[in-house]
Amino acid sequence: MYPPELVKPMQEALENQGFSALHTAEEVTDAMAKDGTTLVVVNSVCGCAAGTARPGAIASLQFDKTPTHLVTVFAGVDREATEKAREYMVPFPPSSPAMALFKDGALVHMLERHHIEGRSAEAIAANLSAAYEEFC
């Protein structure tokens, strides 16, 4: 587990852009039960989360179509919430950072760490935007 003061700015980067932070398994279950589209960002302290994942997720919201709901869990911080979110992402293995788009609770698009690492924030935003065009 990471100290709260270390991860606070990393959490706030997404929260300040409209993402709701989920801290418990129950909060994840409630979020996933909502109608519409939900983007789940599995946040992380790693360099690719800071350099491309968070900026890419934020940049993806600048397009016309965006998800109805934006939520985030923090790997290494909110263990219970992260484990519950990852249950919805099966068959994909646990990965952080990661981003998953759901439509009415069903997984429709997934970006695992290997889709994020080494790619630009712009490439991630474009990938997500294409998914929004199809599913949102």
Protein backbone atom coordinates (compact mmCIF):
# COMPACT_ATOMS: atom_id res chain seq x y z
CA MET A 1 0.00 0.00 0.00
CA TYR A 2 1.20 3.47 -0.88
CA PRO A 3 1.04 6.42 1.53
CA PRO A 4 -2.02 8.63 0.93
CA GLU A 5 0.10 11.77 0.55
CA LEU A 6 2.08 10.12 -2.26
CA VAL A 7 -0.93 9.11 -4.35
CA LYS A 8 -3.20 12.08 -3.67
CA PRO A 9 -1.99 14.14 -6.67
CA MET A 10 -2.23 11.04 -8.89
CA GLN A 11 -5.81 10.44 -7.79
CA GLU A 12 -6.74 14.09 -8.13
CA ALA A 13 -5.44 14.21 -11.71
CA LEU A 14 -8.44 12.10 -12.74
CA GLU A 15 -10.90 13.33 -10.11
CA ASN A 16 -10.37 16.93 -11.21
CA GLN A 17 -11.47 15.87 -14.70
CA GLY A 18 -14.77 14.32 -13.55
CA PHE A 19 -13.74 10.79 -12.59
CA SER A 20 -15.29 9.38 -9.44
CA ALA A 21 -12.81 7.53 -7.24
CA LEU A 22 -14.11 4.17 -6.06
CA HIS A 23 -12.63 2.89 -2.80
CA THR A 24 -14.73 -0.19 -1.97
CA ALA A 25 -16.01 -3.26 -3.76
CA GLU A 26 -19.56 -2.07 -3.11
CA GLU A 27 -18.87 1.25 -4.85
CA VAL A 28 -17.55 -0.66 -7.87
CA THR A 29 -20.61 -2.91 -7.95
CA ASP A 30 -22.89 0.12 -7.79
CA ALA A 31 -20.99 1.90 -10.56
CA MET A 32 -21.10 -1.13 -12.83
CA ALA A 33 -24.86 -1.49 -12.35
CA LYS A 34 -25.55 1.89 -13.97
CA ASP A 35 -27.01 2.10 -17.46
CA GLY A 36 -24.98 3.65 -20.22
CA THR A 37 -21.26 3.55 -20.80
CA THR A 38 -18.67 3.54 -18.05
CA LEU A 39 -14.94 4.12 -18.42
CA VAL A 40 -12.96 2.48 -15.63
CA VAL A 41 -9.35 3.60 -15.23
CA VAL A 42 -7.15 1.40 -13.06
CA ASN A 43 -4.75 4.06 -11.85
CA SER A 44 -1.18 3.37 -10.80
CA VAL A 45 1.97 5.03 -9.47
CA CYS A 46 4.10 3.76 -12.38
CA GLY A 47 5.68 6.04 -14.93
CA CYS A 48 3.43 4.99 -17.80
CA ALA A 49 0.38 5.91 -15.72
CA ALA A 50 1.76 9.40 -15.17
CA GLY A 51 3.23 9.87 -18.63
CA THR A 52 0.53 8.46 -20.87
CA ALA A 53 -2.36 6.66 -19.15
CA ARG A 54 -3.83 9.48 -17.10
CA PRO A 55 -3.11 12.15 -19.75
CA GLY A 56 -4.54 9.86 -22.45
CA ALA A 57 -7.72 9.17 -20.50
CA ILE A 58 -8.18 12.87 -19.84
CA ALA A 59 -7.48 13.83 -23.47
CA SER A 60 -10.02 11.26 -24.68
CA LEU A 61 -12.77 13.31 -23.03
CA GLN A 62 -12.24 16.22 -25.44
CA PHE A 63 -14.10 14.49 -28.27
CA ASP A 64 -17.82 14.68 -29.07
CA LYS A 65 -18.75 11.24 -27.78
CA THR A 66 -17.68 10.30 -24.27
CA PRO A 67 -18.77 7.75 -21.68
CA THR A 68 -21.78 8.41 -19.50
CA HIS A 69 -19.82 7.57 -16.34
CA LEU A 70 -16.13 8.01 -15.47
CA VAL A 71 -14.68 6.06 -12.55
CA THR A 72 -11.26 5.11 -11.27
CA VAL A 73 -9.74 2.65 -8.84
CA PHE A 74 -6.15 2.88 -7.63
CA ALA A 75 -4.01 -0.26 -7.74
CA GLY A 76 -1.86 -0.58 -4.65
CA VAL A 77 -4.14 1.74 -2.71
CA ASP A 78 -7.77 0.63 -2.91
CA ARG A 79 -7.13 -3.10 -3.08
CA GLU A 80 -10.73 -4.22 -2.54
CA ALA A 81 -12.10 -1.85 -5.19
CA THR A 82 -9.35 -2.74 -7.65
CA GLU A 83 -9.91 -6.47 -7.23
CA LYS A 84 -13.65 -6.02 -7.76
CA ALA A 85 -13.13 -3.86 -10.86
CA ARG A 86 -10.79 -6.48 -12.29
CA GLU A 87 -13.49 -9.14 -11.88
CA TYR A 88 -15.50 -7.22 -14.47
CA MET A 89 -12.49 -7.19 -16.80
CA VAL A 90 -12.16 -10.98 -17.11
CA PRO A 91 -10.85 -12.64 -19.32
CA PHE A 92 -8.09 -10.01 -19.26
CA PRO A 93 -5.43 -10.56 -16.59
CA PRO A 94 -4.86 -7.96 -13.86
CA SER A 95 -2.97 -5.00 -15.25
CA SER A 96 -2.16 -1.52 -14.08
CA PRO A 97 -2.56 0.91 -15.43
CA ALA A 98 -5.50 -0.28 -17.48
CA MET A 99 -8.68 1.16 -18.97
CA ALA A 100 -11.91 -0.62 -19.66
CA LEU A 101 -15.06 0.62 -21.35
CA PHE A 102 -18.34 -0.98 -20.37
CA LYS A 103 -21.76 -0.61 -21.93
CA ASP A 104 -24.66 -1.43 -19.64
CA GLY A 105 -22.24 -3.41 -17.47
CA ALA A 106 -20.72 -5.47 -20.31
CA LEU A 107 -17.05 -5.08 -21.21
CA VAL A 108 -16.77 -3.73 -24.76
CA HIS A 109 -13.20 -2.35 -24.97
CA MET A 110 -10.00 -2.94 -23.00
CA LEU A 111 -6.59 -1.29 -22.86
CA GLU A 112 -4.10 -3.33 -20.88
CA ARG A 113 -0.74 -2.08 -19.67
CA HIS A 114 0.97 -3.42 -22.80
CA HIS A 115 -1.40 -1.23 -24.88
CA ILE A 116 -0.40 1.80 -22.80
CA GLU A 117 3.30 1.36 -22.11
CA GLY A 118 5.46 2.94 -24.81
CA ARG A 119 2.55 4.71 -26.50
CA SER A 120 1.79 8.41 -26.43
CA ALA A 121 -1.09 10.01 -24.57
CA GLU A 122 -2.43 11.07 -27.96
CA ALA A 123 -2.42 7.47 -29.22
CA ILE A 124 -4.26 6.31 -26.10
CA ALA A 125 -6.80 9.12 -26.45
CA ALA A 126 -7.35 8.19 -30.11
CA ASN A 127 -7.83 4.53 -29.19
CA LEU A 128 -10.40 5.43 -26.53
CA SER A 129 -12.11 7.94 -28.80
CA ALA A 130 -12.61 5.26 -31.45
CA ALA A 131 -14.22 3.03 -28.81
CA TYR A 132 -16.46 5.92 -27.70
CA GLU A 133 -17.54 6.45 -31.30
CA GLU A 134 -18.58 2.82 -31.53
CA PHE A 135 -20.17 2.29 -28.13
CA CYS A 136 -21.19 5.65 -26.63
